[in-house]
Amino acid sequence: VRVLHLKENIASLARLLASTSHGGFPVVCRPKPDHAEVFQGTIKRLELCMLLENEHIFEPEINDGTFSSSNPLSYEKITVEKLPNLSRLTMLLNRYTTDPQYQQLFINLEPYINKSAMSVQAHFSLQRTYIIFRTLGLRHLTVVDQQNQVVGVITRKDLMPFPLEEKLRLQLTPQ
């Protein structure tokens, strides 16, 4: 599972978006330095792309791991149906991954994540998961363990009848 952190490095984020086609990502944080990372919410790929087009929100990390309080982008500015300029985004991702200055810059994702994103426990009922997807019109659903750590993501494609039957058959057939 590819997860993001509340405070994400620009170069790492650009590499992730360039190397995957995932539509959304779970966001995690470490509540205390000695604790494990726990699920905080989700953020969509399109929202991440729109954030990366606004360099003025990038910040250097302060020594204590905090960030200065910059003005976050408005909801209207990051919620789009499709990317306005794909070639510009491709050029930006390339620049962010190759230019060393972006290794030192971070983005605070906290104002932009969906903190009320649905998640299910790892041993949740498959039938109920399917019902949740259908009734709520979800695109992806984060799977967490008992400590609220991300262990997987279920997508609509995972719940399509034929691939699902094949996966179940493979799981139930003795090796």
N, C-alpha and C. Protein backbone atom coordinates (compact mmCIF):
# COMPACT_ATOMS: atom_id res chain seq x y z
N VAL A 1 0.85 -1.18 0.00
CA VAL A 1 0.00 0.00 0.00
C VAL A 1 0.89 1.23 0.00
N ARG A 2 0.60 2.16 -0.87
CA ARG A 2 1.36 3.41 -0.93
C ARG A 2 0.61 4.43 -0.09
N VAL A 3 1.19 4.85 1.01
CA VAL A 3 0.57 5.81 1.90
C VAL A 3 1.32 7.14 1.84
N LEU A 4 0.62 8.19 2.21
CA LEU A 4 1.22 9.51 2.32
C LEU A 4 1.21 9.91 3.79
N HIS A 5 2.05 10.88 4.13
CA HIS A 5 2.13 11.39 5.48
C HIS A 5 1.52 12.79 5.52
N LEU A 6 1.10 13.22 6.69
CA LEU A 6 0.52 14.56 6.81
C LEU A 6 1.47 15.62 6.30
N LYS A 7 2.76 15.45 6.57
CA LYS A 7 3.79 16.35 6.05
C LYS A 7 4.58 15.55 5.03
N GLU A 8 4.39 15.86 3.75
CA GLU A 8 4.98 15.04 2.69
C GLU A 8 6.02 15.83 1.91
N ASN A 9 7.13 15.16 1.61
CA ASN A 9 8.20 15.75 0.82
C ASN A 9 7.74 15.91 -0.63
N ILE A 10 8.04 17.05 -1.23
CA ILE A 10 7.58 17.36 -2.60
C ILE A 10 8.18 16.39 -3.61
N ALA A 11 9.48 16.13 -3.53
CA ALA A 11 10.13 15.23 -4.49
C ALA A 11 9.56 13.82 -4.37
N SER A 12 9.34 13.34 -3.16
CA SER A 12 8.77 12.01 -2.96
C SER A 12 7.35 11.92 -3.50
N LEU A 13 6.58 12.96 -3.25
CA LEU A 13 5.19 13.00 -3.73
C LEU A 13 5.16 12.99 -5.26
N ALA A 14 6.03 13.76 -5.88
CA ALA A 14 6.09 13.80 -7.34
C ALA A 14 6.48 12.43 -7.91
N ARG A 15 7.46 11.77 -7.29
CA ARG A 15 7.86 10.43 -7.74
C ARG A 15 6.69 9.44 -7.63
N LEU A 16 5.96 9.53 -6.52
CA LEU A 16 4.82 8.63 -6.32
C LEU A 16 3.76 8.84 -7.40
N LEU A 17 3.42 10.09 -7.67
CA LEU A 17 2.39 10.37 -8.68
C LEU A 17 2.86 9.98 -10.08
N ALA A 18 4.15 10.14 -10.36
CA ALA A 18 4.67 9.79 -11.68
C ALA A 18 4.75 8.28 -11.87
N SER A 19 4.91 7.53 -10.79
CA SER A 19 5.12 6.09 -10.92
C SER A 19 3.88 5.24 -10.66
N THR A 20 2.77 5.85 -10.27
CA THR A 20 1.55 5.10 -10.01
C THR A 20 0.38 5.73 -10.75
N SER A 21 -0.70 4.99 -10.82
CA SER A 21 -1.93 5.55 -11.41
C SER A 21 -3.08 5.51 -10.40
N HIS A 22 -2.76 5.29 -9.13
CA HIS A 22 -3.79 5.21 -8.10
C HIS A 22 -4.62 6.49 -8.05
N GLY A 23 -5.91 6.32 -7.82
CA GLY A 23 -6.83 7.47 -7.78
C GLY A 23 -6.91 8.14 -6.43
N GLY A 24 -6.45 7.46 -5.40
CA GLY A 24 -6.49 8.04 -4.06
C GLY A 24 -5.48 7.34 -3.17
N PHE A 25 -5.14 8.00 -2.07
CA PHE A 25 -4.12 7.49 -1.18
C PHE A 25 -4.53 7.65 0.27
N PRO A 26 -4.28 6.62 1.09
CA PRO A 26 -4.47 6.79 2.53
C PRO A 26 -3.39 7.74 3.07
N VAL A 27 -3.76 8.54 4.05
CA VAL A 27 -2.82 9.44 4.69
C VAL A 27 -2.65 8.98 6.14
N VAL A 28 -1.40 8.90 6.58
CA VAL A 28 -1.10 8.41 7.92
C VAL A 28 -0.28 9.45 8.68
N CYS A 29 -0.26 9.30 10.00
CA CYS A 29 0.65 10.10 10.81
C CYS A 29 1.07 9.29 12.01
N ARG A 30 2.14 9.72 12.62
CA ARG A 30 2.68 9.07 13.83
C ARG A 30 2.27 9.98 15.00
N PRO A 31 1.29 9.53 15.83
CA PRO A 31 0.80 10.40 16.90
C PRO A 31 1.90 10.84 17.88
N LYS A 32 2.82 9.93 18.18
CA LYS A 32 3.96 10.24 19.05
C LYS A 32 5.18 9.59 18.42
N PRO A 33 6.37 10.14 18.67
CA PRO A 33 7.58 9.61 18.01
C PRO A 33 7.77 8.10 18.14
N ASP A 34 7.39 7.52 19.26
CA ASP A 34 7.61 6.09 19.46
C ASP A 34 6.42 5.23 19.09
N HIS A 35 5.39 5.82 18.47
CA HIS A 35 4.20 5.09 18.07
C HIS A 35 4.24 4.74 16.58
N ALA A 36 3.40 3.80 16.19
CA ALA A 36 3.29 3.41 14.77
C ALA A 36 2.43 4.44 14.03
N GLU A 37 2.54 4.45 12.71
CA GLU A 37 1.73 5.36 11.89
C GLU A 37 0.30 4.85 11.84
N VAL A 38 -0.65 5.76 12.03
CA VAL A 38 -2.06 5.39 12.02
C VAL A 38 -2.81 6.16 10.94
N PHE A 39 -3.89 5.58 10.48
CA PHE A 39 -4.72 6.13 9.42
C PHE A 39 -5.39 7.42 9.88
N GLN A 40 -5.27 8.46 9.04
CA GLN A 40 -5.88 9.76 9.33
C GLN A 40 -7.01 10.12 8.37
N GLY A 41 -6.92 9.64 7.13
CA GLY A 41 -7.90 9.98 6.12
C GLY A 41 -7.36 9.64 4.74
N THR A 42 -8.01 10.18 3.72
CA THR A 42 -7.56 9.93 2.35
C THR A 42 -7.47 11.24 1.58
N ILE A 43 -6.74 11.19 0.48
CA ILE A 43 -6.68 12.32 -0.44
C ILE A 43 -6.66 11.77 -1.85
N LYS A 44 -7.36 12.45 -2.75
CA LYS A 44 -7.45 11.99 -4.14
C LYS A 44 -6.26 12.47 -4.96
N ARG A 45 -5.95 11.71 -5.98
CA ARG A 45 -4.86 12.04 -6.89
C ARG A 45 -5.05 13.43 -7.50
N LEU A 46 -6.25 13.74 -7.96
CA LEU A 46 -6.49 15.04 -8.58
C LEU A 46 -6.22 16.18 -7.61
N GLU A 47 -6.58 15.99 -6.35
CA GLU A 47 -6.32 17.03 -5.35
C GLU A 47 -4.82 17.21 -5.15
N LEU A 48 -4.08 16.11 -5.11
CA LEU A 48 -2.62 16.20 -4.98
C LEU A 48 -2.01 16.94 -6.16
N CYS A 49 -2.49 16.64 -7.36
CA CYS A 49 -1.98 17.31 -8.56
C CYS A 49 -2.24 18.81 -8.51
N MET A 50 -3.43 19.18 -8.06
CA MET A 50 -3.76 20.60 -7.96
C MET A 50 -2.90 21.28 -6.89
N LEU A 51 -2.61 20.59 -5.82
CA LEU A 51 -1.74 21.15 -4.79
C LEU A 51 -0.33 21.38 -5.33
N LEU A 52 0.16 20.44 -6.13
CA LEU A 52 1.51 20.57 -6.67
C LEU A 52 1.63 21.70 -7.68
N GLU A 53 0.53 22.17 -8.20
CA GLU A 53 0.56 23.30 -9.13
C GLU A 53 0.64 24.64 -8.41
N ASN A 54 0.65 24.61 -7.09
CA ASN A 54 0.68 25.83 -6.29
C ASN A 54 1.91 25.84 -5.39
N GLU A 55 3.05 26.18 -5.97
CA GLU A 55 4.33 26.11 -5.26
C GLU A 55 4.39 27.01 -4.04
N HIS A 56 3.57 28.03 -3.99
CA HIS A 56 3.63 28.96 -2.85
C HIS A 56 3.22 28.30 -1.53
N ILE A 57 2.60 27.10 -1.59
CA ILE A 57 2.23 26.42 -0.33
C ILE A 57 3.32 25.44 0.12
N PHE A 58 4.39 25.28 -0.65
CA PHE A 58 5.49 24.42 -0.25
C PHE A 58 6.27 25.14 0.85
N GLU A 59 6.76 24.37 1.83
CA GLU A 59 7.47 24.95 2.95
C GLU A 59 8.69 24.12 3.31
N PRO A 60 9.73 24.79 3.81
CA PRO A 60 10.83 24.01 4.38
C PRO A 60 10.39 23.48 5.74
N GLU A 61 10.91 22.32 6.11
CA GLU A 61 10.56 21.78 7.41
C GLU A 61 11.39 22.47 8.48
N ILE A 62 10.74 22.88 9.56
CA ILE A 62 11.44 23.49 10.68
C ILE A 62 12.04 22.36 11.51
N ASN A 63 13.11 22.63 12.23
CA ASN A 63 13.84 21.59 12.97
C ASN A 63 12.96 20.71 13.85
N ASP A 64 11.92 21.25 14.46
CA ASP A 64 11.09 20.44 15.36
C ASP A 64 10.01 19.66 14.62
N GLY A 65 10.05 19.69 13.29
CA GLY A 65 9.08 18.92 12.50
C GLY A 65 7.78 19.64 12.25
N THR A 66 7.65 20.87 12.72
CA THR A 66 6.42 21.63 12.49
C THR A 66 6.54 22.46 11.23
N PHE A 67 5.48 23.16 10.89
CA PHE A 67 5.45 24.01 9.71
C PHE A 67 4.95 25.38 10.11
N SER A 68 5.37 26.37 9.35
CA SER A 68 4.79 27.69 9.57
C SER A 68 3.34 27.64 9.11
N SER A 69 2.54 28.55 9.58
CA SER A 69 1.12 28.49 9.23
C SER A 69 0.87 29.34 7.98
N SER A 70 0.84 28.69 6.84
CA SER A 70 0.54 29.40 5.60
C SER A 70 -0.95 29.30 5.32
N ASN A 71 -1.43 30.13 4.44
CA ASN A 71 -2.85 30.09 4.09
C ASN A 71 -3.11 28.91 3.16
N PRO A 72 -3.96 27.97 3.58
CA PRO A 72 -4.25 26.83 2.70
C PRO A 72 -5.08 27.26 1.50
N LEU A 73 -4.99 26.46 0.45
CA LEU A 73 -5.80 26.73 -0.75
C LEU A 73 -7.27 26.48 -0.43
N SER A 74 -8.13 27.16 -1.15
CA SER A 74 -9.57 26.98 -0.94
C SER A 74 -10.02 25.64 -1.52
N TYR A 75 -11.13 25.16 -1.00
CA TYR A 75 -11.71 23.90 -1.46
C TYR A 75 -11.96 23.95 -2.97
N GLU A 76 -12.47 25.08 -3.45
CA GLU A 76 -12.79 25.22 -4.88
C GLU A 76 -11.55 25.12 -5.75
N LYS A 77 -10.41 25.54 -5.21
CA LYS A 77 -9.18 25.54 -6.01
C LYS A 77 -8.60 24.14 -6.21
N ILE A 78 -8.86 23.22 -5.28
CA ILE A 78 -8.24 21.89 -5.43
C ILE A 78 -9.22 20.82 -5.88
N THR A 79 -10.52 21.09 -5.85
CA THR A 79 -11.47 20.07 -6.29
C THR A 79 -11.85 20.31 -7.74
N VAL A 80 -11.35 19.43 -8.59
CA VAL A 80 -11.62 19.53 -10.02
C VAL A 80 -12.06 18.16 -10.52
N GLU A 81 -12.76 18.14 -11.63
CA GLU A 81 -13.20 16.87 -12.23
C GLU A 81 -12.10 16.22 -13.06
N LYS A 82 -11.28 17.07 -13.68
CA LYS A 82 -10.13 16.56 -14.43
C LYS A 82 -9.04 17.62 -14.44
N LEU A 83 -7.84 17.20 -14.75
CA LEU A 83 -6.72 18.13 -14.74
C LEU A 83 -6.85 19.14 -15.87
N PRO A 84 -6.66 20.42 -15.57
CA PRO A 84 -6.79 21.42 -16.63
C PRO A 84 -5.68 21.33 -17.67
N ASN A 85 -4.45 20.94 -17.26
CA ASN A 85 -3.32 20.92 -18.18
C ASN A 85 -2.38 19.78 -17.81
N LEU A 86 -2.58 18.63 -18.45
CA LEU A 86 -1.80 17.44 -18.14
C LEU A 86 -0.32 17.60 -18.51
N SER A 87 -0.02 18.28 -19.60
CA SER A 87 1.38 18.45 -20.00
C SER A 87 2.13 19.32 -18.99
N ARG A 88 1.45 20.33 -18.43
CA ARG A 88 2.08 21.17 -17.40
C ARG A 88 2.38 20.32 -16.16
N LEU A 89 1.44 19.47 -15.77
CA LEU A 89 1.66 18.63 -14.60
C LEU A 89 2.83 17.69 -14.83
N THR A 90 2.93 17.08 -16.00
CA THR A 90 4.03 16.18 -16.32
C THR A 90 5.36 16.92 -16.20
N MET A 91 5.41 18.14 -16.71
CA MET A 91 6.62 18.95 -16.63
C MET A 91 6.96 19.27 -15.17
N LEU A 92 5.95 19.61 -14.36
CA LEU A 92 6.18 19.91 -12.94
C LEU A 92 6.68 18.69 -12.19
N LEU A 93 6.06 17.53 -12.42
CA LEU A 93 6.50 16.32 -11.74
C LEU A 93 7.95 16.00 -12.07
N ASN A 94 8.32 16.17 -13.32
CA ASN A 94 9.70 15.94 -13.74
C ASN A 94 10.65 16.89 -13.03
N ARG A 95 10.27 18.16 -12.95
CA ARG A 95 11.12 19.16 -12.29
C ARG A 95 11.24 18.86 -10.79
N TYR A 96 10.13 18.50 -10.16
CA TYR A 96 10.15 18.23 -8.72
C TYR A 96 11.00 17.01 -8.38
N THR A 97 11.04 16.03 -9.27
CA THR A 97 11.82 14.82 -8.98
C THR A 97 13.31 15.00 -9.28
N THR A 98 13.67 15.93 -10.16
CA THR A 98 15.07 16.08 -10.55
C THR A 98 15.78 17.27 -9.90
N ASP A 99 15.07 18.33 -9.57
CA ASP A 99 15.68 19.53 -8.98
C ASP A 99 15.91 19.30 -7.48
N PRO A 100 17.17 19.40 -7.01
CA PRO A 100 17.48 19.11 -5.60
C PRO A 100 16.76 20.00 -4.59
N GLN A 101 16.37 21.20 -4.99
CA GLN A 101 15.73 22.09 -4.01
C GLN A 101 14.41 21.51 -3.48
N TYR A 102 13.75 20.67 -4.27
CA TYR A 102 12.47 20.11 -3.84
C TYR A 102 12.63 18.96 -2.85
N GLN A 103 13.87 18.49 -2.69
CA GLN A 103 14.15 17.49 -1.64
C GLN A 103 13.99 18.12 -0.25
N GLN A 104 14.15 19.44 -0.18
CA GLN A 104 14.11 20.15 1.11
C GLN A 104 12.75 20.80 1.37
N LEU A 105 11.82 20.68 0.43
CA LEU A 105 10.51 21.32 0.59
C LEU A 105 9.43 20.29 0.88
N PHE A 106 8.45 20.70 1.65
CA PHE A 106 7.38 19.82 2.08
C PHE A 106 6.03 20.50 1.87
N ILE A 107 4.99 19.69 1.91
CA ILE A 107 3.63 20.21 1.84
C ILE A 107 2.85 19.64 3.01
N ASN A 108 2.07 20.48 3.63
CA ASN A 108 1.23 20.06 4.74
C ASN A 108 -0.11 19.61 4.15
N LEU A 109 -0.37 18.31 4.15
CA LEU A 109 -1.59 17.77 3.56
C LEU A 109 -2.79 17.83 4.51
N GLU A 110 -2.54 18.13 5.77
CA GLU A 110 -3.61 18.07 6.77
C GLU A 110 -4.86 18.87 6.40
N PRO A 111 -4.74 20.10 5.88
CA PRO A 111 -5.98 20.83 5.56
C PRO A 111 -6.77 20.24 4.39
N TYR A 112 -6.17 19.34 3.64
CA TYR A 112 -6.79 18.86 2.40
C TYR A 112 -7.30 17.43 2.45
N ILE A 113 -6.95 16.68 3.47
CA ILE A 113 -7.37 15.27 3.51
C ILE A 113 -8.83 15.14 3.94
N ASN A 114 -9.43 14.06 3.50
CA ASN A 114 -10.79 13.72 3.92
C ASN A 114 -10.67 12.93 5.22
N LYS A 115 -10.86 13.63 6.33
CA LYS A 115 -10.69 12.99 7.64
C LYS A 115 -11.86 12.09 8.01
N SER A 116 -12.94 12.18 7.25
CA SER A 116 -14.09 11.31 7.52
C SER A 116 -14.17 10.16 6.52
N ALA A 117 -13.04 9.84 5.91
CA ALA A 117 -13.00 8.75 4.94
C ALA A 117 -13.33 7.43 5.62
N MET A 118 -14.08 6.60 4.91
CA MET A 118 -14.45 5.29 5.42
C MET A 118 -13.22 4.38 5.45
N SER A 119 -13.22 3.50 6.44
CA SER A 119 -12.22 2.43 6.49
C SER A 119 -12.91 1.21 7.09
N VAL A 120 -12.35 0.05 6.81
CA VAL A 120 -12.88 -1.19 7.38
C VAL A 120 -11.73 -1.95 8.01
N GLN A 121 -12.07 -2.78 8.98
CA GLN A 121 -11.09 -3.65 9.61
C GLN A 121 -10.68 -4.75 8.63
N ALA A 122 -9.50 -5.30 8.83
CA ALA A 122 -8.94 -6.30 7.92
C ALA A 122 -9.83 -7.54 7.78
N HIS A 123 -10.58 -7.90 8.80
CA HIS A 123 -11.41 -9.09 8.74
C HIS A 123 -12.89 -8.75 8.58
N PHE A 124 -13.16 -7.61 7.98
CA PHE A 124 -14.53 -7.16 7.76
C PHE A 124 -15.20 -8.05 6.71
N SER A 125 -16.48 -8.19 6.80
CA SER A 125 -17.25 -9.04 5.89
C SER A 125 -17.15 -8.53 4.45
N LEU A 126 -16.86 -9.45 3.53
CA LEU A 126 -16.80 -9.11 2.11
C LEU A 126 -18.16 -8.65 1.61
N GLN A 127 -19.22 -9.31 2.04
CA GLN A 127 -20.57 -8.93 1.62
C GLN A 127 -20.90 -7.51 2.07
N ARG A 128 -20.58 -7.18 3.30
CA ARG A 128 -20.86 -5.83 3.80
C ARG A 128 -19.98 -4.79 3.14
N THR A 129 -18.75 -5.16 2.82
CA THR A 129 -17.87 -4.25 2.10
C THR A 129 -18.47 -3.91 0.74
N TYR A 130 -18.97 -4.92 0.05
CA TYR A 130 -19.61 -4.71 -1.25
C TYR A 130 -20.82 -3.78 -1.09
N ILE A 131 -21.62 -3.99 -0.07
CA ILE A 131 -22.80 -3.15 0.17
C ILE A 131 -22.38 -1.71 0.43
N ILE A 132 -21.33 -1.52 1.21
CA ILE A 132 -20.84 -0.16 1.49
C ILE A 132 -20.42 0.52 0.20
N PHE A 133 -19.66 -0.19 -0.64
CA PHE A 133 -19.23 0.37 -1.92
C PHE A 133 -20.43 0.79 -2.76
N ARG A 134 -21.41 -0.09 -2.88
CA ARG A 134 -22.57 0.18 -3.73
C ARG A 134 -23.42 1.33 -3.21
N THR A 135 -23.70 1.33 -1.92
CA THR A 135 -24.61 2.34 -1.38
C THR A 135 -23.95 3.71 -1.25
N LEU A 136 -22.66 3.75 -0.98
CA LEU A 136 -21.99 5.04 -0.81
C LEU A 136 -21.28 5.52 -2.07
N GLY A 137 -21.23 4.68 -3.11
CA GLY A 137 -20.58 5.08 -4.36
C GLY A 137 -19.09 5.33 -4.21
N LEU A 138 -18.43 4.50 -3.41
CA LEU A 138 -17.00 4.71 -3.16
C LEU A 138 -16.14 4.29 -4.34
N ARG A 139 -14.96 4.89 -4.42
CA ARG A 139 -13.97 4.51 -5.42
C ARG A 139 -12.89 3.63 -4.79
N HIS A 140 -12.60 3.89 -3.52
CA HIS A 140 -11.63 3.08 -2.80
C HIS A 140 -11.95 3.13 -1.31
N LEU A 141 -11.51 2.09 -0.61
CA LEU A 141 -11.81 1.94 0.80
C LEU A 141 -10.54 1.45 1.50
N THR A 142 -10.12 2.16 2.52
CA THR A 142 -8.89 1.80 3.23
C THR A 142 -9.17 0.67 4.22
N VAL A 143 -8.27 -0.28 4.26
CA VAL A 143 -8.36 -1.41 5.19
C VAL A 143 -7.32 -1.19 6.29
N VAL A 144 -7.76 -1.28 7.54
CA VAL A 144 -6.87 -1.07 8.68
C VAL A 144 -6.89 -2.28 9.59
N ASP A 145 -5.83 -2.41 10.39
CA ASP A 145 -5.80 -3.49 11.39
C ASP A 145 -6.38 -2.96 12.70
N GLN A 146 -6.26 -3.73 13.76
CA GLN A 146 -6.87 -3.35 15.03
C GLN A 146 -6.19 -2.14 15.66
N GLN A 147 -4.98 -1.82 15.24
CA GLN A 147 -4.28 -0.64 15.75
C GLN A 147 -4.47 0.57 14.84
N ASN A 148 -5.38 0.47 13.87
CA ASN A 148 -5.69 1.54 12.91
C ASN A 148 -4.51 1.84 11.97
N GLN A 149 -3.68 0.83 11.72
CA GLN A 149 -2.59 0.96 10.76
C GLN A 149 -3.09 0.47 9.40
N VAL A 150 -2.73 1.18 8.36
CA VAL A 150 -3.17 0.82 7.01
C VAL A 150 -2.52 -0.48 6.58
N VAL A 151 -3.37 -1.45 6.16
CA VAL A 151 -2.85 -2.72 5.67
C VAL A 151 -3.29 -3.00 4.23
N GLY A 152 -4.16 -2.18 3.68
CA GLY A 152 -4.59 -2.40 2.31
C GLY A 152 -5.59 -1.35 1.85
N VAL A 153 -5.91 -1.42 0.57
CA VAL A 153 -6.92 -0.57 -0.04
C VAL A 153 -7.75 -1.45 -0.96
N ILE A 154 -9.05 -1.34 -0.86
CA ILE A 154 -9.96 -2.06 -1.76
C ILE A 154 -10.50 -1.05 -2.74
N THR A 155 -10.48 -1.40 -4.03
CA THR A 155 -11.02 -0.52 -5.05
C THR A 155 -12.27 -1.15 -5.66
N ARG A 156 -12.97 -0.37 -6.44
CA ARG A 156 -14.15 -0.91 -7.12
C ARG A 156 -13.78 -2.08 -8.01
N LYS A 157 -12.63 -1.97 -8.64
CA LYS A 157 -12.18 -3.04 -9.53
C LYS A 157 -12.00 -4.36 -8.77
N ASP A 158 -11.56 -4.26 -7.51
CA ASP A 158 -11.39 -5.47 -6.69
C ASP A 158 -12.71 -6.17 -6.44
N LEU A 159 -13.81 -5.43 -6.46
CA LEU A 159 -15.11 -6.00 -6.13
C LEU A 159 -15.96 -6.34 -7.34
N MET A 160 -15.38 -6.25 -8.54
CA MET A 160 -16.11 -6.65 -9.73
C MET A 160 -16.34 -8.17 -9.68
N PRO A 161 -17.48 -8.67 -10.13
CA PRO A 161 -17.84 -10.07 -9.93
C PRO A 161 -16.82 -11.10 -10.38
N PHE A 162 -16.31 -11.01 -11.62
CA PHE A 162 -15.43 -12.06 -12.12
C PHE A 162 -14.07 -12.10 -11.42
N PRO A 163 -13.37 -10.96 -11.29
CA PRO A 163 -12.09 -11.03 -10.56
C PRO A 163 -12.28 -11.46 -9.10
N LEU A 164 -13.38 -11.05 -8.50
CA LEU A 164 -13.65 -11.41 -7.11
C LEU A 164 -13.85 -12.91 -6.96
N GLU A 165 -14.62 -13.51 -7.87
CA GLU A 165 -14.84 -14.95 -7.81
C GLU A 165 -13.53 -15.71 -7.99
N GLU A 166 -12.68 -15.23 -8.90
CA GLU A 166 -11.39 -15.88 -9.14
C GLU A 166 -10.50 -15.78 -7.90
N LYS A 167 -10.45 -14.60 -7.28
CA LYS A 167 -9.63 -14.43 -6.07
C LYS A 167 -10.13 -15.33 -4.95
N LEU A 168 -11.44 -15.41 -4.78
CA LEU A 168 -12.01 -16.26 -3.73
C LEU A 168 -11.70 -17.73 -4.01
N ARG A 169 -11.82 -18.14 -5.27
CA ARG A 169 -11.54 -19.53 -5.63
C ARG A 169 -10.09 -19.87 -5.30
N LEU A 170 -9.16 -18.98 -5.62
CA LEU A 170 -7.75 -19.22 -5.35
C LEU A 170 -7.48 -19.31 -3.85
N GLN A 171 -8.17 -18.48 -3.07
CA GLN A 171 -7.99 -18.48 -1.62
C GLN A 171 -8.54 -19.75 -0.99
N LEU A 172 -9.65 -20.25 -1.53
CA LEU A 172 -10.33 -21.38 -0.91
C LEU A 172 -9.80 -22.73 -1.39
N THR A 173 -9.08 -22.75 -2.53
CA THR A 173 -8.54 -23.99 -3.05
C THR A 173 -7.28 -24.36 -2.26
N PRO A 174 -7.21 -25.59 -1.75
CA PRO A 174 -6.00 -26.01 -1.02
C PRO A 174 -4.77 -25.97 -1.93
N GLN A 175 -3.66 -25.55 -1.38
CA GLN A 175 -2.42 -25.43 -2.17
C GLN A 175 -1.86 -26.80 -2.49
